[in-house]
Amino acid sequence: MDKKPNSKKTKAIGSKACPECGTAMRRGRTTLHFERGGFYADVENVNAILCGRCGTRSVPGKTALKISDAVERLFRVGKDLDMTGLSFHKLAS
């Protein structure tokens, strides 16, 4: 997974310091990239705590678990399908 946040719009959060460089972290959104067995999945627009200096990202526990579970299920099912890709997007309401 790359470590660069994809959003410039962030809000400062209390005194949470980046565990890598010590810079104050900010709330924002990022894209998570996963690869397994020749396939990849990107999960976009994920709420995260971001470091603007070094790019470290932290995704809150419950959110991280939900995303991880969903992506792992997708990889398990997708490997048996005869296709080259799959797109899954939430429709704007």
C-alpha atoms as a PDB file:
ATOM      1  CA  MET A   1       0.000   0.000   0.000  1.00  0.00           C
ATOM      2  CA  ASP A   2       1.336   3.437  -0.768  1.00  0.00           C
ATOM      3  CA  LYS A   3       1.458   5.878   2.117  1.00  0.00           C
ATOM      4  CA  LYS A   4       0.451   9.125   0.389  1.00  0.00           C
ATOM      5  CA  PRO A   5      -2.922  10.691   1.287  1.00  0.00           C
ATOM      6  CA  ASN A   6      -4.978  11.691  -1.742  1.00  0.00           C
ATOM      7  CA  SER A   7      -6.756  14.688  -0.245  1.00  0.00           C
ATOM      8  CA  LYS A   8      -5.584  18.190   0.568  1.00  0.00           C
ATOM      9  CA  LYS A   9      -8.777  18.941   2.540  1.00  0.00           C
ATOM     10  CA  THR A  10      -8.007  17.982   6.135  1.00  0.00           C
ATOM     11  CA  LYS A  11      -8.986  19.133   9.622  1.00  0.00           C
ATOM     12  CA  ALA A  12      -6.574  19.247  12.558  1.00  0.00           C
ATOM     13  CA  ILE A  13      -7.282  16.769  15.351  1.00  0.00           C
ATOM     14  CA  GLY A  14      -6.294  17.514  18.905  1.00  0.00           C
ATOM     15  CA  SER A  15      -2.722  16.620  19.713  1.00  0.00           C
ATOM     16  CA  LYS A  16      -2.389  13.338  17.783  1.00  0.00           C
ATOM     17  CA  ALA A  17       1.167  13.200  16.496  1.00  0.00           C
ATOM     18  CA  CYS A  18       2.296  11.089  13.551  1.00  0.00           C
ATOM     19  CA  PRO A  19       4.022   7.943  14.851  1.00  0.00           C
ATOM     20  CA  GLU A  20       6.572   8.178  12.016  1.00  0.00           C
ATOM     21  CA  CYS A  21       7.657  11.832  12.008  1.00  0.00           C
ATOM     22  CA  GLY A  22       5.908  13.527  14.978  1.00  0.00           C
ATOM     23  CA  THR A  23       3.947  16.036  12.860  1.00  0.00           C
ATOM     24  CA  ALA A  24       0.358  16.835  13.932  1.00  0.00           C
ATOM     25  CA  MET A  25      -2.069  14.611  12.032  1.00  0.00           C
ATOM     26  CA  ARG A  26      -5.326  15.714  10.434  1.00  0.00           C
ATOM     27  CA  ARG A  27      -8.639  14.115   9.535  1.00  0.00           C
ATOM     28  CA  GLY A  28      -9.167  13.580   5.833  1.00  0.00           C
ATOM     29  CA  ARG A  29      -9.905  10.975   3.195  1.00  0.00           C
ATOM     30  CA  THR A  30      -7.637   8.575   1.359  1.00  0.00           C
ATOM     31  CA  THR A  31      -7.611   5.635  -1.045  1.00  0.00           C
ATOM     32  CA  LEU A  32      -6.525   2.191   0.155  1.00  0.00           C
ATOM     33  CA  HIS A  33      -4.898  -0.172  -2.358  1.00  0.00           C
ATOM     34  CA  PHE A  34      -4.861  -3.973  -1.946  1.00  0.00           C
ATOM     35  CA  GLU A  35      -3.242  -6.683  -4.105  1.00  0.00           C
ATOM     36  CA  ARG A  36      -3.773 -10.465  -3.976  1.00  0.00           C
ATOM     37  CA  GLY A  37      -3.064 -13.224  -6.498  1.00  0.00           C
ATOM     38  CA  GLY A  38      -2.766 -11.022  -9.568  1.00  0.00           C
ATOM     39  CA  PHE A  39      -5.794  -8.850  -8.723  1.00  0.00           C
ATOM     40  CA  TYR A  40      -6.003  -5.450  -7.073  1.00  0.00           C
ATOM     41  CA  ALA A  41      -8.737  -3.466  -5.339  1.00  0.00           C
ATOM     42  CA  ASP A  42      -8.867   0.237  -4.495  1.00  0.00           C
ATOM     43  CA  VAL A  43     -11.188   1.526  -1.785  1.00  0.00           C
ATOM     44  CA  GLU A  44     -11.674   5.246  -2.323  1.00  0.00           C
ATOM     45  CA  ASN A  45     -12.716   8.139  -0.120  1.00  0.00           C
ATOM     46  CA  VAL A  46     -11.958   6.388   3.201  1.00  0.00           C
ATOM     47  CA  ASN A  47     -12.091   8.461   6.397  1.00  0.00           C
ATOM     48  CA  ALA A  48      -8.607   8.462   7.893  1.00  0.00           C
ATOM     49  CA  ILE A  49      -6.135  10.375  10.029  1.00  0.00           C
ATOM     50  CA  LEU A  50      -3.384  11.686   7.754  1.00  0.00           C
ATOM     51  CA  CYS A  51       0.099  13.118   8.105  1.00  0.00           C
ATOM     52  CA  GLY A  52       0.697  15.895   5.605  1.00  0.00           C
ATOM     53  CA  ARG A  53       4.447  15.673   6.061  1.00  0.00           C
ATOM     54  CA  CYS A  54       5.345  11.999   5.519  1.00  0.00           C
ATOM     55  CA  GLY A  55       2.049  10.559   4.215  1.00  0.00           C
ATOM     56  CA  THR A  56       1.380   8.098   7.053  1.00  0.00           C
ATOM     57  CA  ARG A  57      -2.306   7.137   7.279  1.00  0.00           C
ATOM     58  CA  SER A  58      -4.361   5.681  10.098  1.00  0.00           C
ATOM     59  CA  VAL A  59      -7.828   4.243   9.510  1.00  0.00           C
ATOM     60  CA  PRO A  60     -10.060   3.898  12.606  1.00  0.00           C
ATOM     61  CA  GLY A  61     -10.376   0.299  13.848  1.00  0.00           C
ATOM     62  CA  LYS A  62     -14.007  -0.489  12.986  1.00  0.00           C
ATOM     63  CA  THR A  63     -13.664   1.076   9.545  1.00  0.00           C
ATOM     64  CA  ALA A  64     -10.397  -0.785   8.871  1.00  0.00           C
ATOM     65  CA  LEU A  65     -11.958  -4.125   9.858  1.00  0.00           C
ATOM     66  CA  LYS A  66     -15.044  -3.596   7.684  1.00  0.00           C
ATOM     67  CA  ILE A  67     -12.928  -2.656   4.678  1.00  0.00           C
ATOM     68  CA  SER A  68     -10.498  -5.537   5.210  1.00  0.00           C
ATOM     69  CA  ASP A  69     -13.318  -8.084   5.517  1.00  0.00           C
ATOM     70  CA  ALA A  70     -15.087  -6.797   2.396  1.00  0.00           C
ATOM     71  CA  VAL A  71     -11.907  -6.740   0.300  1.00  0.00           C
ATOM     72  CA  GLU A  72     -10.843 -10.233   1.403  1.00  0.00           C
ATOM     73  CA  ARG A  73     -14.293 -11.613   0.465  1.00  0.00           C
ATOM     74  CA  LEU A  74     -14.043  -9.886  -2.910  1.00  0.00           C
ATOM     75  CA  PHE A  75     -10.637 -11.465  -3.598  1.00  0.00           C
ATOM     76  CA  ARG A  76     -11.897 -14.936  -2.594  1.00  0.00           C
ATOM     77  CA  VAL A  77     -14.934 -14.738  -4.878  1.00  0.00           C
ATOM     78  CA  GLY A  78     -13.248 -12.824  -7.702  1.00  0.00           C
ATOM     79  CA  LYS A  79     -10.442 -15.345  -8.270  1.00  0.00           C
ATOM     80  CA  ASP A  80     -12.983 -17.916  -9.482  1.00  0.00           C
ATOM     81  CA  LEU A  81     -14.780 -15.624 -11.927  1.00  0.00           C
ATOM     82  CA  ASP A  82     -13.928 -15.575 -15.626  1.00  0.00           C
ATOM     83  CA  MET A  83     -13.345 -11.823 -15.979  1.00  0.00           C
ATOM     84  CA  THR A  84     -10.616  -9.229 -16.069  1.00  0.00           C
ATOM     85  CA  GLY A  85     -12.119  -6.649 -13.736  1.00  0.00           C
ATOM     86  CA  LEU A  86     -14.952  -5.530 -11.522  1.00  0.00           C
ATOM     87  CA  SER A  87     -16.026  -1.999 -10.580  1.00  0.00           C
ATOM     88  CA  PHE A  88     -18.169  -1.314  -7.547  1.00  0.00           C
ATOM     89  CA  HIS A  89     -19.225   2.268  -6.783  1.00  0.00           C
ATOM     90  CA  LYS A  90     -21.780   3.924  -4.539  1.00  0.00           C
ATOM     91  CA  LEU A  91     -24.268   5.999  -6.540  1.00  0.00           C
ATOM     92  CA  ALA A  92     -24.534   9.658  -5.641  1.00  0.00           C
ATOM     93  CA  SER A  93     -27.862  10.360  -3.949  1.00  0.00           C
END
